C-alpha atoms as a PDB file:
ATOM      1  CA  MET A   1      22.319 -22.689  -8.147  1.00  0.00           C
ATOM      2  CA  GLY A   2      19.008 -21.885  -6.453  1.00  0.00           C
ATOM      3  CA  LYS A   3      16.765 -18.856  -6.618  1.00  0.00           C
ATOM      4  CA  LYS A   4      17.782 -15.600  -4.885  1.00  0.00           C
ATOM      5  CA  CYS A   5      15.650 -12.634  -3.856  1.00  0.00           C
ATOM      6  CA  ILE A   6      16.192  -9.838  -6.394  1.00  0.00           C
ATOM      7  CA  ILE A   7      16.111  -7.229  -3.609  1.00  0.00           C
ATOM      8  CA  CYS A   8      18.179  -8.632  -0.722  1.00  0.00           C
ATOM      9  CA  TYR A   9      19.992 -11.403  -2.671  1.00  0.00           C
ATOM     10  CA  THR A  10      19.303 -13.940   0.069  1.00  0.00           C
ATOM     11  CA  PRO A  11      19.165 -17.457  -1.351  1.00  0.00           C
ATOM     12  CA  ASP A  12      15.970 -19.480  -1.227  1.00  0.00           C
ATOM     13  CA  ASN A  13      15.874 -21.499   1.971  1.00  0.00           C
ATOM     14  CA  ASP A  14      12.777 -23.215   3.324  1.00  0.00           C
ATOM     15  CA  GLU A  15       9.970 -20.677   3.731  1.00  0.00           C
ATOM     16  CA  ARG A  16      11.483 -17.468   2.307  1.00  0.00           C
ATOM     17  CA  PHE A  17       9.564 -17.629  -1.001  1.00  0.00           C
ATOM     18  CA  LYS A  18       6.303 -19.188   0.254  1.00  0.00           C
ATOM     19  CA  GLY A  19       4.284 -15.952   0.306  1.00  0.00           C
ATOM     20  CA  PRO A  20       2.288 -14.253  -2.436  1.00  0.00           C
ATOM     21  CA  PRO A  21       4.169 -12.957  -5.496  1.00  0.00           C
ATOM     22  CA  GLU A  22       5.361  -9.357  -5.718  1.00  0.00           C
ATOM     23  CA  HIS A  23       3.102  -7.229  -7.933  1.00  0.00           C
ATOM     24  CA  ILE A  24       5.194  -5.153 -10.337  1.00  0.00           C
ATOM     25  CA  ILE A  25       2.413  -2.559 -10.433  1.00  0.00           C
ATOM     26  CA  PRO A  26       0.546  -2.478  -7.093  1.00  0.00           C
ATOM     27  CA  TYR A  27      -2.488  -4.732  -6.744  1.00  0.00           C
ATOM     28  CA  ALA A  28      -4.537  -1.752  -5.515  1.00  0.00           C
ATOM     29  CA  LEU A  29      -4.029  -0.043  -8.893  1.00  0.00           C
ATOM     30  CA  GLY A  30      -5.716  -2.909 -10.702  1.00  0.00           C
ATOM     31  CA  ASN A  31      -2.754  -5.152 -11.490  1.00  0.00           C
ATOM     32  CA  ARG A  32      -3.775  -8.784 -11.148  1.00  0.00           C
ATOM     33  CA  GLU A  33      -1.328 -10.405 -13.569  1.00  0.00           C
ATOM     34  CA  LEU A  34       2.072  -8.658 -13.671  1.00  0.00           C
ATOM     35  CA  VAL A  35       3.889 -10.406 -10.838  1.00  0.00           C
ATOM     36  CA  ILE A  36       7.374 -11.648 -10.070  1.00  0.00           C
ATOM     37  CA  ASN A  37       8.133 -14.700  -7.952  1.00  0.00           C
ATOM     38  CA  ASP A  38      11.755 -13.820  -7.169  1.00  0.00           C
ATOM     39  CA  VAL A  39      11.108 -11.633  -4.119  1.00  0.00           C
ATOM     40  CA  CYS A  40      11.256 -13.153  -0.627  1.00  0.00           C
ATOM     41  CA  VAL A  41       8.391 -12.762   1.847  1.00  0.00           C
ATOM     42  CA  GLU A  42      10.267 -10.201   3.972  1.00  0.00           C
ATOM     43  CA  CYS A  43      11.159  -7.945   1.035  1.00  0.00           C
ATOM     44  CA  ASN A  44       7.636  -8.269  -0.390  1.00  0.00           C
ATOM     45  CA  LYS A  45       6.182  -7.043   2.927  1.00  0.00           C
ATOM     46  CA  LEU A  46       8.718  -4.229   3.074  1.00  0.00           C
ATOM     47  CA  MET A  47       7.888  -3.117  -0.480  1.00  0.00           C
ATOM     48  CA  GLY A  48       4.188  -3.109   0.370  1.00  0.00           C
ATOM     49  CA  SER A  49       4.559  -1.162   3.611  1.00  0.00           C
ATOM     50  CA  LYS A  50       7.131   1.374   2.402  1.00  0.00           C
ATOM     51  CA  LEU A  51       6.682   1.844  -1.346  1.00  0.00           C
ATOM     52  CA  ASP A  52       3.279   0.577  -2.472  1.00  0.00           C
ATOM     53  CA  ILE A  53       1.460   2.459   0.293  1.00  0.00           C
ATOM     54  CA  VAL A  54       2.961   5.771  -0.874  1.00  0.00           C
ATOM     55  CA  ILE A  55       2.038   5.069  -4.490  1.00  0.00           C
ATOM     56  CA  THR A  56      -1.506   3.834  -3.873  1.00  0.00           C
ATOM     57  CA  THR A  57      -2.546   6.501  -1.357  1.00  0.00           C
ATOM     58  CA  SER A  58      -1.497   9.525  -3.405  1.00  0.00           C
ATOM     59  CA  LEU A  59      -4.296  11.879  -4.453  1.00  0.00           C
ATOM     60  CA  PHE A  60      -4.006  10.876  -8.118  1.00  0.00           C
ATOM     61  CA  ALA A  61      -3.995   7.134  -7.365  1.00  0.00           C
ATOM     62  CA  SER A  62      -6.879   7.477  -4.915  1.00  0.00           C
ATOM     63  CA  ALA A  63      -8.959   9.334  -7.527  1.00  0.00           C
ATOM     64  CA  TYR A  64      -8.098   6.669 -10.122  1.00  0.00           C
ATOM     65  CA  ARG A  65      -9.007   3.856  -7.726  1.00  0.00           C
ATOM     66  CA  GLU A  66     -12.293   5.538  -6.792  1.00  0.00           C
ATOM     67  CA  LYS A  67     -13.249   6.164 -10.436  1.00  0.00           C
ATOM     68  CA  TYR A  68     -12.620   2.545 -11.439  1.00  0.00           C
ATOM     69  CA  ALA A  69     -13.677   1.000  -8.090  1.00  0.00           C
ATOM     70  CA  LEU A  70     -10.284  -0.669  -7.609  1.00  0.00           C
ATOM     71  CA  LYS A  71     -10.134  -2.481  -4.299  1.00  0.00           C
ATOM     72  CA  GLY A  72      -6.873  -3.124  -2.508  1.00  0.00           C
ATOM     73  CA  HIS A  73      -6.027  -6.124  -0.364  1.00  0.00           C
ATOM     74  CA  SER A  74      -8.244  -4.683   2.386  1.00  0.00           C
ATOM     75  CA  GLY A  75     -11.237  -4.987   0.058  1.00  0.00           C
ATOM     76  CA  SER A  76     -12.094  -1.298   0.184  1.00  0.00           C
ATOM     77  CA  VAL A  77     -12.086   1.440  -2.425  1.00  0.00           C
ATOM     78  CA  PRO A  78     -10.700   4.807  -1.237  1.00  0.00           C
ATOM     79  CA  SER A  79     -12.826   7.918  -1.356  1.00  0.00           C
ATOM     80  CA  ILE A  80     -11.081  11.143  -2.285  1.00  0.00           C
ATOM     81  CA  HIS A  81     -13.951  13.038  -0.665  1.00  0.00           C
ATOM     82  CA  LYS A  82     -12.617  11.930   2.725  1.00  0.00           C
ATOM     83  CA  ILE A  83      -9.265  13.553   1.962  1.00  0.00           C
ATOM     84  CA  PHE A  84     -10.725  17.069   1.690  1.00  0.00           C
END
């Protein structure tokens, strides 16, 4: 039996698992190693656009990222001074 996406349960077919791995803790919070390869490209994008964005743009996370100069996929570090 082949691999299935742990979110949508769709079986691996052709290009569904060809994208980057899903970061268990968002990349923008400094995670470079804790990843899972059992999430399809579509679900990985959905997680990033719906869940990770909420987590990484919160006031606390933005302050943490600014303090430790943690860049996201865009290559930028947020500034909490722009929020106020």
